[in-house]
C-alpha atoms as a PDB file:
ATOM      1  CA  UNK A   1       0.000   0.000   0.000  1.00  0.00           C
ATOM      2  CA  UNK A   2       2.782   2.416   0.911  1.00  0.00           C
ATOM      3  CA  UNK A   3       4.612   1.553  -2.314  1.00  0.00           C
ATOM      4  CA  UNK A   4       1.524   2.540  -4.317  1.00  0.00           C
ATOM      5  CA  UNK A   5       0.936   5.738  -2.328  1.00  0.00           C
ATOM      6  CA  UNK A   6       4.037   6.730  -0.294  1.00  0.00           C
ATOM      7  CA  UNK A   7       2.496  10.044   0.765  1.00  0.00           C
ATOM      8  CA  UNK A   8       0.163   8.078   3.043  1.00  0.00           C
ATOM      9  CA  UNK A   9       2.997   8.092   5.555  1.00  0.00           C
ATOM     10  CA  UNK A  10       2.538  11.853   5.930  1.00  0.00           C
ATOM     11  CA  UNK A  11      -1.246  11.673   6.435  1.00  0.00           C
ATOM     12  CA  UNK A  12      -2.668  12.068   9.941  1.00  0.00           C
ATOM     13  CA  UNK A  13      -4.551   8.975  11.056  1.00  0.00           C
ATOM     14  CA  UNK A  14      -7.087  10.659  13.360  1.00  0.00           C
ATOM     15  CA  UNK A  15      -8.063  13.569  11.145  1.00  0.00           C
ATOM     16  CA  UNK A  16      -7.432  12.165   7.648  1.00  0.00           C
ATOM     17  CA  UNK A  17      -7.139   8.408   7.142  1.00  0.00           C
ATOM     18  CA  UNK A  18      -9.459   7.368   9.991  1.00  0.00           C
ATOM     19  CA  UNK A  19     -12.534   9.256   8.748  1.00  0.00           C
ATOM     20  CA  UNK A  20     -11.902   8.097   5.180  1.00  0.00           C
ATOM     21  CA  UNK A  21     -11.587   4.460   6.271  1.00  0.00           C
ATOM     22  CA  UNK A  22     -14.790   4.701   8.353  1.00  0.00           C
ATOM     23  CA  UNK A  23     -16.752   6.296   5.507  1.00  0.00           C
ATOM     24  CA  UNK A  24     -15.466   3.827   2.929  1.00  0.00           C
ATOM     25  CA  UNK A  25     -16.187   0.843   5.177  1.00  0.00           C
ATOM     26  CA  UNK A  26     -19.730   2.096   5.728  1.00  0.00           C
ATOM     27  CA  UNK A  27     -20.173   2.627   1.964  1.00  0.00           C
ATOM     28  CA  UNK A  28     -19.026  -0.950   1.344  1.00  0.00           C
ATOM     29  CA  UNK A  29     -21.604  -2.278   3.857  1.00  0.00           C
ATOM     30  CA  UNK A  30     -18.826  -3.166   6.311  1.00  0.00           C
ATOM     31  CA  UNK A  31     -17.299  -5.604   3.815  1.00  0.00           C
ATOM     32  CA  UNK A  32     -13.660  -5.314   4.890  1.00  0.00           C
ATOM     33  CA  UNK A  33     -12.442  -7.809   2.280  1.00  0.00           C
ATOM     34  CA  UNK A  34     -13.976  -5.850  -0.612  1.00  0.00           C
ATOM     35  CA  UNK A  35     -12.708  -2.530   0.756  1.00  0.00           C
ATOM     36  CA  UNK A  36      -9.219  -3.971   1.179  1.00  0.00           C
ATOM     37  CA  UNK A  37      -9.247  -5.133  -2.454  1.00  0.00           C
ATOM     38  CA  UNK A  38     -10.345  -1.688  -3.640  1.00  0.00           C
ATOM     39  CA  UNK A  39      -7.695   0.146  -1.603  1.00  0.00           C
ATOM     40  CA  UNK A  40      -4.969  -2.227  -2.768  1.00  0.00           C
ATOM     41  CA  UNK A  41      -6.111  -1.755  -6.358  1.00  0.00           C
ATOM     42  CA  UNK A  42      -6.225   2.059  -6.043  1.00  0.00           C
ATOM     43  CA  UNK A  43      -4.107   3.226  -3.078  1.00  0.00           C
ATOM     44  CA  UNK A  44      -4.352   6.821  -4.282  1.00  0.00           C
ATOM     45  CA  UNK A  45      -8.030   6.701  -3.282  1.00  0.00           C
ATOM     46  CA  UNK A  46      -6.920   7.508   0.271  1.00  0.00           C
ATOM     47  CA  UNK A  47      -5.108  10.620  -0.951  1.00  0.00           C
ATOM     48  CA  UNK A  48      -8.258  12.348  -2.222  1.00  0.00           C
ATOM     49  CA  UNK A  49     -10.380  14.691  -0.105  1.00  0.00           C
ATOM     50  CA  UNK A  50     -13.207  12.896   1.681  1.00  0.00           C
ATOM     51  CA  UNK A  51     -15.666  15.812   1.510  1.00  0.00           C
ATOM     52  CA  UNK A  52     -14.743  17.164  -1.926  1.00  0.00           C
ATOM     53  CA  UNK A  53     -14.017  14.008  -3.914  1.00  0.00           C
ATOM     54  CA  UNK A  54     -14.653  10.619  -2.305  1.00  0.00           C
ATOM     55  CA  UNK A  55     -18.033  11.251  -0.682  1.00  0.00           C
ATOM     56  CA  UNK A  56     -19.749  13.017  -3.624  1.00  0.00           C
ATOM     57  CA  UNK A  57     -18.557  10.393  -6.107  1.00  0.00           C
ATOM     58  CA  UNK A  58     -19.506   7.425  -3.954  1.00  0.00           C
ATOM     59  CA  UNK A  59     -22.925   8.956  -3.324  1.00  0.00           C
ATOM     60  CA  UNK A  60     -23.375   9.384  -7.083  1.00  0.00           C
ATOM     61  CA  UNK A  61     -22.414   5.765  -7.733  1.00  0.00           C
ATOM     62  CA  UNK A  62     -24.713   4.428  -5.040  1.00  0.00           C
ATOM     63  CA  UNK A  63     -27.579   6.674  -6.248  1.00  0.00           C
ATOM     64  CA  UNK A  64     -27.541   5.062  -9.703  1.00  0.00           C
ATOM     65  CA  UNK A  65     -27.296   1.551  -8.271  1.00  0.00           C
ATOM     66  CA  UNK A  66     -23.619   0.978  -9.056  1.00  0.00           C
ATOM     67  CA  UNK A  67     -21.367  -0.973  -6.723  1.00  0.00           C
ATOM     68  CA  UNK A  68     -19.051   1.237  -4.651  1.00  0.00           C
ATOM     69  CA  UNK A  69     -15.991  -0.573  -6.072  1.00  0.00           C
ATOM     70  CA  UNK A  70     -16.523   1.474  -9.245  1.00  0.00           C
ATOM     71  CA  UNK A  71     -14.942   4.343  -7.323  1.00  0.00           C
ATOM     72  CA  UNK A  72     -11.560   3.026  -8.484  1.00  0.00           C
ATOM     73  CA  UNK A  73     -12.471   4.114 -11.999  1.00  0.00           C
ATOM     74  CA  UNK A  74     -14.305   7.335 -11.231  1.00  0.00           C
ATOM     75  CA  UNK A  75     -12.038   8.819  -8.583  1.00  0.00           C
ATOM     76  CA  UNK A  76      -9.247   9.790 -10.982  1.00  0.00           C
ATOM     77  CA  UNK A  77     -11.490  11.538 -13.520  1.00  0.00           C
ATOM     78  CA  UNK A  78     -12.092  15.253 -13.796  1.00  0.00           C
ATOM     79  CA  UNK A  79     -15.520  16.391 -12.599  1.00  0.00           C
ATOM     80  CA  UNK A  80     -16.797  16.810 -16.165  1.00  0.00           C
ATOM     81  CA  UNK A  81     -15.536  13.388 -17.264  1.00  0.00           C
ATOM     82  CA  UNK A  82     -16.927  11.795 -14.112  1.00  0.00           C
ATOM     83  CA  UNK A  83     -20.403  13.208 -14.793  1.00  0.00           C
ATOM     84  CA  UNK A  84     -20.331  11.877 -18.366  1.00  0.00           C
ATOM     85  CA  UNK A  85     -19.070   8.468 -17.201  1.00  0.00           C
ATOM     86  CA  UNK A  86     -21.667   8.340 -14.417  1.00  0.00           C
ATOM     87  CA  UNK A  87     -24.483   9.142 -16.869  1.00  0.00           C
ATOM     88  CA  UNK A  88     -23.283   6.405 -19.247  1.00  0.00           C
ATOM     89  CA  UNK A  89     -23.054   3.966 -16.329  1.00  0.00           C
ATOM     90  CA  UNK A  90     -26.583   4.914 -15.198  1.00  0.00           C
ATOM     91  CA  UNK A  91     -27.900   4.184 -18.697  1.00  0.00           C
ATOM     92  CA  UNK A  92     -26.202   0.768 -18.749  1.00  0.00           C
ATOM     93  CA  UNK A  93     -27.651  -0.064 -15.340  1.00  0.00           C
ATOM     94  CA  UNK A  94     -31.134   1.048 -16.453  1.00  0.00           C
ATOM     95  CA  UNK A  95     -30.845  -1.059 -19.631  1.00  0.00           C
ATOM     96  CA  UNK A  96     -29.904  -4.043 -17.447  1.00  0.00           C
ATOM     97  CA  UNK A  97     -33.094  -3.798 -15.384  1.00  0.00           C
ATOM     98  CA  UNK A  98     -31.692  -1.559 -12.654  1.00  0.00           C
ATOM     99  CA  UNK A  99     -28.836  -3.918 -11.856  1.00  0.00           C
ATOM    100  CA  UNK A 100     -25.196  -3.253 -12.558  1.00  0.00           C
ATOM    101  CA  UNK A 101     -23.951  -5.648 -15.274  1.00  0.00           C
ATOM    102  CA  UNK A 102     -21.582  -8.292 -13.879  1.00  0.00           C
ATOM    103  CA  UNK A 103     -17.904  -7.457 -13.999  1.00  0.00           C
ATOM    104  CA  UNK A 104     -16.022  -8.792 -16.977  1.00  0.00           C
ATOM    105  CA  UNK A 105     -19.023  -8.796 -19.333  1.00  0.00           C
ATOM    106  CA  UNK A 106     -18.002  -5.821 -21.416  1.00  0.00           C
ATOM    107  CA  UNK A 107     -16.217  -6.275 -24.691  1.00  0.00           C
ATOM    108  CA  UNK A 108     -12.500  -5.795 -24.420  1.00  0.00           C
ATOM    109  CA  UNK A 109     -10.785  -3.572 -26.923  1.00  0.00           C
ATOM    110  CA  UNK A 110      -8.016  -4.988 -29.020  1.00  0.00           C
ATOM    111  CA  UNK A 111      -4.666  -3.661 -27.933  1.00  0.00           C
ATOM    112  CA  UNK A 112      -1.218  -3.484 -29.414  1.00  0.00           C
ATOM    113  CA  UNK A 113       1.591  -5.566 -28.013  1.00  0.00           C
ATOM    114  CA  UNK A 114       3.561  -3.663 -25.392  1.00  0.00           C
ATOM    115  CA  UNK A 115       6.569  -3.484 -27.681  1.00  0.00           C
ATOM    116  CA  UNK A 116       4.694  -1.510 -30.353  1.00  0.00           C
ATOM    117  CA  UNK A 117       3.439   2.030 -30.567  1.00  0.00           C
ATOM    118  CA  UNK A 118       1.529   4.053 -33.113  1.00  0.00           C
ATOM    119  CA  UNK A 119       2.473   7.589 -33.974  1.00  0.00           C
ATOM    120  CA  UNK A 120       0.913   9.845 -36.563  1.00  0.00           C
ATOM    121  CA  UNK A 121       3.576  11.587 -38.556  1.00  0.00           C
ATOM    122  CA  UNK A 122       3.234  14.097 -41.357  1.00  0.00           C
ATOM    123  CA  UNK A 123       4.928  13.521 -44.675  1.00  0.00           C
ATOM    124  CA  UNK A 124       7.339  16.331 -43.772  1.00  0.00           C
ATOM    125  CA  UNK A 125       8.683  14.161 -40.932  1.00  0.00           C
ATOM    126  CA  UNK A 126       9.704  11.381 -43.324  1.00  0.00           C
ATOM    127  CA  UNK A 127      13.407  12.093 -42.891  1.00  0.00           C
ATOM    128  CA  UNK A 128      13.149  11.840 -39.104  1.00  0.00           C
ATOM    129  CA  UNK A 129      11.479   8.442 -39.185  1.00  0.00           C
ATOM    130  CA  UNK A 130      14.454   6.334 -40.132  1.00  0.00           C
ATOM    131  CA  UNK A 131      16.517   5.342 -37.123  1.00  0.00           C
ATOM    132  CA  UNK A 132      18.908   2.555 -38.107  1.00  0.00           C
ATOM    133  CA  UNK A 133      16.004   0.560 -39.508  1.00  0.00           C
ATOM    134  CA  UNK A 134      14.291   0.185 -36.130  1.00  0.00           C
ATOM    135  CA  UNK A 135      11.166   2.047 -37.192  1.00  0.00           C
ATOM    136  CA  UNK A 136       8.829   0.582 -39.758  1.00  0.00           C
ATOM    137  CA  UNK A 137       6.419   2.913 -41.556  1.00  0.00           C
ATOM    138  CA  UNK A 138       3.317   1.912 -43.437  1.00  0.00           C
ATOM    139  CA  UNK A 139       1.452   4.511 -45.470  1.00  0.00           C
ATOM    140  CA  UNK A 140      -2.282   5.013 -45.146  1.00  0.00           C
ATOM    141  CA  UNK A 141      -4.506   5.139 -48.181  1.00  0.00           C
ATOM    142  CA  UNK A 142      -2.905   7.922 -50.238  1.00  0.00           C
ATOM    143  CA  UNK A 143      -5.838   8.044 -52.684  1.00  0.00           C
ATOM    144  CA  UNK A 144      -7.857  10.156 -50.243  1.00  0.00           C
ATOM    145  CA  UNK A 145      -6.802  13.821 -50.470  1.00  0.00           C
ATOM    146  CA  UNK A 146      -7.549  14.522 -46.782  1.00  0.00           C
ATOM    147  CA  UNK A 147      -5.050  11.884 -45.593  1.00  0.00           C
ATOM    148  CA  UNK A 148      -1.949  13.934 -44.846  1.00  0.00           C
ATOM    149  CA  UNK A 149      -0.479  11.682 -42.226  1.00  0.00           C
ATOM    150  CA  UNK A 150       0.512   8.088 -41.923  1.00  0.00           C
ATOM    151  CA  UNK A 151       0.787   5.543 -39.176  1.00  0.00           C
ATOM    152  CA  UNK A 152       4.273   4.758 -37.989  1.00  0.00           C
ATOM    153  CA  UNK A 153       5.024   1.590 -36.002  1.00  0.00           C
ATOM    154  CA  UNK A 154       8.283   1.048 -34.268  1.00  0.00           C
ATOM    155  CA  UNK A 155       9.701  -1.697 -32.121  1.00  0.00           C
ATOM    156  CA  UNK A 156      11.776  -1.320 -29.014  1.00  0.00           C
END
């Protein structure tokens, strides 16, 4: 926990961490195991303000019928992004008969291997793309006049 959030060592237990732990435990219906999993997953949760960030977001999640563990996703978002995400989550819950869909049922997006990256580069950057043959470039469809960039893949 301290490795994930070293600044916790500087937080006062009585006035900072204690009230947060009590509120979170109450929000999780006194399920210590679930709360422990959430805090270990997102140690920075304990670094946010209880009154300004944690409490309003947990209340919003509970109001739409979402499980409090969703706080690990919503806590790091800006207020505007959180409201959009919360509205989308409320719609999904409503479409599922007022029940939060089970975890792991959403479609996963395809991802690139960790050793690859995609960068958009303009044609003017063509000279900067060759680096001892380590970068491979593949041009996009050049027949479209509005395509002025191309995708560049490189390997570590």
